[in-house]
Protein backbone atom coordinates (compact mmCIF):
# COMPACT_ATOMS: atom_id res chain seq x y z
CA UNK A 1 173.24 -82.76 83.82
CA UNK A 2 175.40 -85.00 81.66
CA UNK A 3 177.30 -83.70 78.64
CA UNK A 4 179.48 -86.05 76.54
CA UNK A 5 179.42 -88.65 79.33
CA UNK A 6 180.58 -86.18 82.00
CA UNK A 7 178.41 -85.02 84.86
CA UNK A 8 178.40 -81.24 85.18
CA UNK A 9 177.88 -79.44 88.48
CA UNK A 10 176.32 -76.02 88.97
CA UNK A 11 179.53 -74.03 88.47
CA UNK A 12 180.31 -75.72 85.16
CA UNK A 13 176.75 -75.20 83.91
CA UNK A 14 176.93 -71.50 84.86
CA UNK A 15 180.25 -71.25 83.01
CA UNK A 16 178.75 -72.79 79.87
CA UNK A 17 175.74 -70.48 80.02
CA UNK A 18 177.94 -67.40 80.46
CA UNK A 19 180.18 -68.54 77.60
CA UNK A 20 177.14 -68.87 75.33
CA UNK A 21 175.86 -65.44 76.40
CA UNK A 22 179.24 -63.86 75.61
CA UNK A 23 179.15 -65.54 72.20
CA UNK A 24 175.66 -64.13 71.51
CA UNK A 25 176.81 -60.67 72.64
CA UNK A 26 179.90 -60.83 70.40
CA UNK A 27 177.83 -61.87 67.38
CA UNK A 28 175.32 -59.06 67.93
CA UNK A 29 178.10 -56.46 68.24
CA UNK A 30 179.75 -57.82 65.10
CA UNK A 31 176.47 -57.60 63.16
CA UNK A 32 175.93 -54.04 64.36
CA UNK A 33 179.42 -53.08 63.24
CA UNK A 34 178.83 -54.57 59.80
CA UNK A 35 175.51 -52.74 59.55
CA UNK A 36 177.17 -49.46 60.52
CA UNK A 37 179.98 -49.97 57.98
CA UNK A 38 177.45 -50.65 55.24
CA UNK A 39 175.43 -47.56 56.17
CA UNK A 40 178.57 -45.39 56.16
CA UNK A 41 179.65 -46.64 52.72
CA UNK A 42 176.23 -45.94 51.20
CA UNK A 43 176.04 -42.53 52.90
CA UNK A 44 179.47 -41.56 51.52
CA UNK A 45 178.48 -42.72 48.02
CA UNK A 46 175.24 -40.73 48.15
CA UNK A 47 177.07 -37.67 49.50
CA UNK A 48 179.63 -37.88 46.68
CA UNK A 49 176.86 -38.22 44.09
CA UNK A 50 175.05 -35.17 45.50
CA UNK A 51 178.29 -33.15 45.54
CA UNK A 52 179.13 -34.15 41.96
CA UNK A 53 175.60 -33.14 40.89
CA UNK A 54 176.01 -29.76 42.61
CA UNK A 55 179.35 -29.17 40.88
CA UNK A 56 177.88 -30.19 37.51
CA UNK A 57 174.89 -27.86 38.05
CA UNK A 58 177.29 -24.98 38.69
CA UNK A 59 178.98 -25.70 35.37
CA UNK A 60 182.16 -27.28 36.72
CA UNK A 61 183.58 -30.71 36.17
CA UNK A 62 183.39 -33.21 39.04
CA UNK A 63 186.84 -34.28 40.12
CA UNK A 64 187.68 -37.92 39.47
CA UNK A 65 189.62 -39.87 42.11
CA UNK A 66 192.50 -40.41 39.68
CA UNK A 67 193.15 -36.68 39.26
CA UNK A 68 196.21 -35.37 40.99
CA UNK A 69 195.26 -33.10 43.84
CA UNK A 70 197.19 -30.14 45.04
CA UNK A 71 199.53 -31.00 47.89
CA UNK A 72 198.13 -30.18 51.29
CA UNK A 73 199.74 -30.21 54.68
CA UNK A 74 203.38 -30.21 55.71
CA UNK A 75 204.18 -33.44 53.84
CA UNK A 76 202.80 -32.31 50.51
């Protein structure tokens, strides 16, 4: 096989194939990670909306993120 005017032997062809397979594996893992991150963000948003609806149904006010929370833990 000739690539860019250079004749490749079996070892070099195997190296190129393995490099391409590693690239495909890396891309598939990256896509899965992005999909998982997106799912987690939507799940958290839905969970917060359900919790705010429960608090509102009980007659309380849902807490906004800008409200100051009580200090927790040893560092306050």
